[in-house]
Amino acid sequence: MARLLTAAQLVMLARRHWLRLEPHERRRLFTLVRVATGRRGRLTPAERFELARLIAKADPKLFAGLVIKQFSPVPLPGLGKKR
């Protein structure tokens, strides 16, 4: 049961960052990831730039900090704060 609760908390944090993107941006992100299939070389330079911009908008660094802060057994100063 603890694993399910942990997974649910992680999904809720991820959703918060996912919703930073507009619906059309989320669709475009899916399209770019599908086209790339794990290889940057399959995207044009413009598509790579667009993908990087969309990922940056979701703020993965803040997401990682919040995940660590949420699940760390000891308080870690400075994590999960906006720059």
N, C-alpha and C. Protein backbone atom coordinates (compact mmCIF):
# COMPACT_ATOMS: atom_id res chain seq x y z
N MET A 1 0.82 -1.19 0.00
CA MET A 1 0.00 0.00 0.00
C MET A 1 0.87 1.27 0.00
N ALA A 2 2.00 1.21 0.71
CA ALA A 2 2.88 2.38 0.77
C ALA A 2 3.42 2.72 -0.61
N ARG A 3 3.71 1.71 -1.42
CA ARG A 3 4.21 1.96 -2.77
C ARG A 3 3.15 2.66 -3.63
N LEU A 4 1.90 2.26 -3.46
CA LEU A 4 0.82 2.90 -4.22
C LEU A 4 0.67 4.36 -3.82
N LEU A 5 0.76 4.64 -2.53
CA LEU A 5 0.65 6.03 -2.08
C LEU A 5 1.83 6.86 -2.58
N THR A 6 3.00 6.29 -2.56
CA THR A 6 4.18 6.98 -3.07
C THR A 6 4.03 7.26 -4.56
N ALA A 7 3.57 6.27 -5.30
CA ALA A 7 3.35 6.46 -6.74
C ALA A 7 2.30 7.53 -6.99
N ALA A 8 1.24 7.54 -6.20
CA ALA A 8 0.18 8.55 -6.36
C ALA A 8 0.72 9.95 -6.09
N GLN A 9 1.55 10.10 -5.06
CA GLN A 9 2.14 11.40 -4.77
C GLN A 9 3.03 11.87 -5.91
N LEU A 10 3.79 10.95 -6.46
CA LEU A 10 4.67 11.27 -7.58
C LEU A 10 3.86 11.70 -8.80
N VAL A 11 2.78 11.00 -9.07
CA VAL A 11 1.91 11.35 -10.20
C VAL A 11 1.30 12.73 -9.99
N MET A 12 0.89 13.04 -8.77
CA MET A 12 0.30 14.35 -8.49
C MET A 12 1.32 15.47 -8.70
N LEU A 13 2.57 15.25 -8.28
CA LEU A 13 3.61 16.26 -8.51
C LEU A 13 3.88 16.41 -10.01
N ALA A 14 3.95 15.31 -10.72
CA ALA A 14 4.21 15.36 -12.16
C ALA A 14 3.07 16.09 -12.88
N ARG A 15 1.85 15.82 -12.47
CA ARG A 15 0.69 16.46 -13.11
C ARG A 15 0.75 17.98 -12.96
N ARG A 16 1.15 18.43 -11.78
CA ARG A 16 1.25 19.87 -11.55
C ARG A 16 2.21 20.53 -12.55
N HIS A 17 3.30 19.85 -12.85
CA HIS A 17 4.27 20.41 -13.80
C HIS A 17 3.80 20.22 -15.24
N TRP A 18 3.13 19.12 -15.52
CA TRP A 18 2.58 18.87 -16.85
C TRP A 18 1.56 19.94 -17.21
N LEU A 19 0.77 20.37 -16.23
CA LEU A 19 -0.27 21.36 -16.49
C LEU A 19 0.28 22.78 -16.66
N ARG A 20 1.58 22.96 -16.48
CA ARG A 20 2.19 24.25 -16.79
C ARG A 20 2.16 24.51 -18.29
N LEU A 21 2.07 23.43 -19.05
CA LEU A 21 2.01 23.55 -20.51
C LEU A 21 0.55 23.70 -20.94
N GLU A 22 0.35 24.50 -21.96
CA GLU A 22 -0.99 24.65 -22.55
C GLU A 22 -1.33 23.36 -23.29
N PRO A 23 -2.61 23.09 -23.53
CA PRO A 23 -3.00 21.85 -24.22
C PRO A 23 -2.29 21.66 -25.57
N HIS A 24 -2.16 22.73 -26.35
CA HIS A 24 -1.49 22.58 -27.65
C HIS A 24 0.00 22.28 -27.47
N GLU A 25 0.59 22.81 -26.39
CA GLU A 25 2.00 22.54 -26.12
C GLU A 25 2.20 21.09 -25.68
N ARG A 26 1.27 20.56 -24.90
CA ARG A 26 1.36 19.16 -24.48
C ARG A 26 1.26 18.22 -25.69
N ARG A 27 0.34 18.53 -26.60
CA ARG A 27 0.22 17.71 -27.82
C ARG A 27 1.49 17.78 -28.64
N ARG A 28 2.06 18.96 -28.77
CA ARG A 28 3.29 19.13 -29.56
C ARG A 28 4.46 18.39 -28.90
N LEU A 29 4.54 18.44 -27.58
CA LEU A 29 5.59 17.72 -26.86
C LEU A 29 5.49 16.22 -27.14
N PHE A 30 4.28 15.67 -27.06
CA PHE A 30 4.08 14.26 -27.39
C PHE A 30 4.52 13.95 -28.81
N THR A 31 4.16 14.81 -29.74
CA THR A 31 4.52 14.60 -31.14
C THR A 31 6.04 14.59 -31.32
N LEU A 32 6.72 15.56 -30.72
CA LEU A 32 8.17 15.63 -30.86
C LEU A 32 8.86 14.42 -30.23
N VAL A 33 8.39 14.00 -29.08
CA VAL A 33 8.98 12.82 -28.42
C VAL A 33 8.74 11.57 -29.25
N ARG A 34 7.55 11.46 -29.82
CA ARG A 34 7.22 10.30 -30.67
C ARG A 34 8.11 10.26 -31.91
N VAL A 35 8.32 11.41 -32.53
CA VAL A 35 9.16 11.49 -33.74
C VAL A 35 10.61 11.15 -33.39
N ALA A 36 11.09 11.67 -32.28
CA ALA A 36 12.49 11.47 -31.90
C ALA A 36 12.77 10.01 -31.52
N THR A 37 11.81 9.33 -30.95
CA THR A 37 11.97 7.96 -30.46
C THR A 37 13.31 7.74 -29.74
N GLY A 38 13.64 8.69 -28.86
CA GLY A 38 14.85 8.56 -28.06
C GLY A 38 16.13 9.03 -28.72
N ARG A 39 16.04 9.57 -29.93
CA ARG A 39 17.25 10.03 -30.63
C ARG A 39 17.08 11.46 -31.08
N ARG A 40 17.92 12.32 -30.55
CA ARG A 40 17.85 13.74 -30.91
C ARG A 40 18.08 13.97 -32.39
N GLY A 41 18.89 13.13 -33.01
CA GLY A 41 19.23 13.30 -34.42
C GLY A 41 18.04 13.17 -35.37
N ARG A 42 16.96 12.61 -34.88
CA ARG A 42 15.77 12.48 -35.73
C ARG A 42 14.93 13.76 -35.78
N LEU A 43 15.32 14.73 -34.97
CA LEU A 43 14.63 16.02 -34.97
C LEU A 43 15.47 17.05 -35.70
N THR A 44 14.80 17.99 -36.34
CA THR A 44 15.52 19.10 -36.96
C THR A 44 16.03 20.02 -35.84
N PRO A 45 16.99 20.88 -36.14
CA PRO A 45 17.46 21.82 -35.10
C PRO A 45 16.32 22.66 -34.53
N ALA A 46 15.39 23.07 -35.36
CA ALA A 46 14.25 23.87 -34.88
C ALA A 46 13.37 23.04 -33.94
N GLU A 47 13.16 21.76 -34.28
CA GLU A 47 12.36 20.90 -33.41
C GLU A 47 13.07 20.64 -32.08
N ARG A 48 14.39 20.48 -32.12
CA ARG A 48 15.15 20.29 -30.88
C ARG A 48 15.02 21.51 -29.97
N PHE A 49 15.11 22.68 -30.58
CA PHE A 49 14.95 23.92 -29.82
C PHE A 49 13.56 24.00 -29.21
N GLU A 50 12.55 23.66 -30.00
CA GLU A 50 11.16 23.69 -29.52
C GLU A 50 10.97 22.70 -28.37
N LEU A 51 11.52 21.51 -28.51
CA LEU A 51 11.42 20.50 -27.47
C LEU A 51 12.09 20.99 -26.18
N ALA A 52 13.26 21.57 -26.30
CA ALA A 52 13.96 22.10 -25.13
C ALA A 52 13.15 23.21 -24.46
N ARG A 53 12.52 24.06 -25.25
CA ARG A 53 11.71 25.14 -24.71
C ARG A 53 10.51 24.59 -23.95
N LEU A 54 9.86 23.59 -24.51
CA LEU A 54 8.69 23.00 -23.85
C LEU A 54 9.08 22.30 -22.55
N ILE A 55 10.18 21.59 -22.57
CA ILE A 55 10.64 20.91 -21.36
C ILE A 55 11.01 21.94 -20.29
N ALA A 56 11.68 23.01 -20.70
CA ALA A 56 12.07 24.05 -19.74
C ALA A 56 10.84 24.70 -19.11
N LYS A 57 9.79 24.86 -19.89
CA LYS A 57 8.57 25.48 -19.37
C LYS A 57 7.94 24.62 -18.27
N ALA A 58 8.08 23.31 -18.37
CA ALA A 58 7.55 22.41 -17.34
C ALA A 58 8.41 22.42 -16.08
N ASP A 59 9.58 23.02 -16.14
CA ASP A 59 10.51 23.20 -15.01
C ASP A 59 10.90 21.88 -14.34
N PRO A 60 11.65 21.03 -15.07
CA PRO A 60 12.03 19.74 -14.51
C PRO A 60 12.97 19.84 -13.31
N LYS A 61 13.74 20.90 -13.22
CA LYS A 61 14.65 21.05 -12.07
C LYS A 61 13.83 21.26 -10.79
N LEU A 62 12.81 22.08 -10.86
CA LEU A 62 11.93 22.29 -9.72
C LEU A 62 11.21 20.99 -9.37
N PHE A 63 10.75 20.27 -10.39
CA PHE A 63 10.07 18.99 -10.18
C PHE A 63 10.98 18.02 -9.43
N ALA A 64 12.22 17.90 -9.88
CA ALA A 64 13.16 16.98 -9.23
C ALA A 64 13.40 17.39 -7.78
N GLY A 65 13.54 18.68 -7.54
CA GLY A 65 13.73 19.16 -6.17
C GLY A 65 12.55 18.85 -5.28
N LEU A 66 11.33 19.02 -5.83
CA LEU A 66 10.13 18.72 -5.05
C LEU A 66 10.01 17.22 -4.75
N VAL A 67 10.38 16.39 -5.72
CA VAL A 67 10.33 14.95 -5.51
C VAL A 67 11.31 14.55 -4.42
N ILE A 68 12.52 15.07 -4.48
CA ILE A 68 13.52 14.75 -3.46
C ILE A 68 13.05 15.24 -2.09
N LYS A 69 12.52 16.46 -2.06
CA LYS A 69 12.05 17.02 -0.80
C LYS A 69 10.91 16.19 -0.22
N GLN A 70 10.00 15.76 -1.08
CA GLN A 70 8.82 14.99 -0.65
C GLN A 70 9.22 13.63 -0.07
N PHE A 71 10.21 12.98 -0.66
CA PHE A 71 10.52 11.60 -0.29
C PHE A 71 11.80 11.45 0.52
N SER A 72 12.49 12.54 0.80
CA SER A 72 13.72 12.45 1.58
C SER A 72 13.39 12.27 3.07
N PRO A 73 14.08 11.36 3.74
CA PRO A 73 13.81 11.17 5.16
C PRO A 73 14.34 12.31 6.04
N VAL A 74 15.23 13.10 5.50
CA VAL A 74 15.77 14.25 6.23
C VAL A 74 15.50 15.54 5.45
N PRO A 75 15.23 16.63 6.14
CA PRO A 75 14.99 17.89 5.43
C PRO A 75 16.25 18.36 4.71
N LEU A 76 16.08 18.75 3.47
CA LEU A 76 17.20 19.24 2.67
C LEU A 76 16.93 20.70 2.31
N PRO A 77 17.76 21.63 2.79
CA PRO A 77 17.50 23.04 2.54
C PRO A 77 17.67 23.42 1.07
N GLY A 78 16.80 24.31 0.62
CA GLY A 78 16.95 24.87 -0.73
C GLY A 78 16.34 24.05 -1.84
N LEU A 79 15.79 22.88 -1.55
CA LEU A 79 15.22 22.06 -2.62
C LEU A 79 13.75 22.42 -2.83
N GLY A 80 13.34 22.35 -4.09
CA GLY A 80 11.95 22.57 -4.41
C GLY A 80 11.51 24.02 -4.36
N LYS A 81 12.47 24.92 -4.47
CA LYS A 81 12.14 26.35 -4.46
C LYS A 81 12.34 26.89 -5.87
N LYS A 82 11.49 27.85 -6.20
CA LYS A 82 11.64 28.53 -7.50
C LYS A 82 12.88 29.40 -7.45
N ARG A 83 13.53 29.52 -8.61
CA ARG A 83 14.71 30.38 -8.69
C ARG A 83 14.31 31.81 -8.71
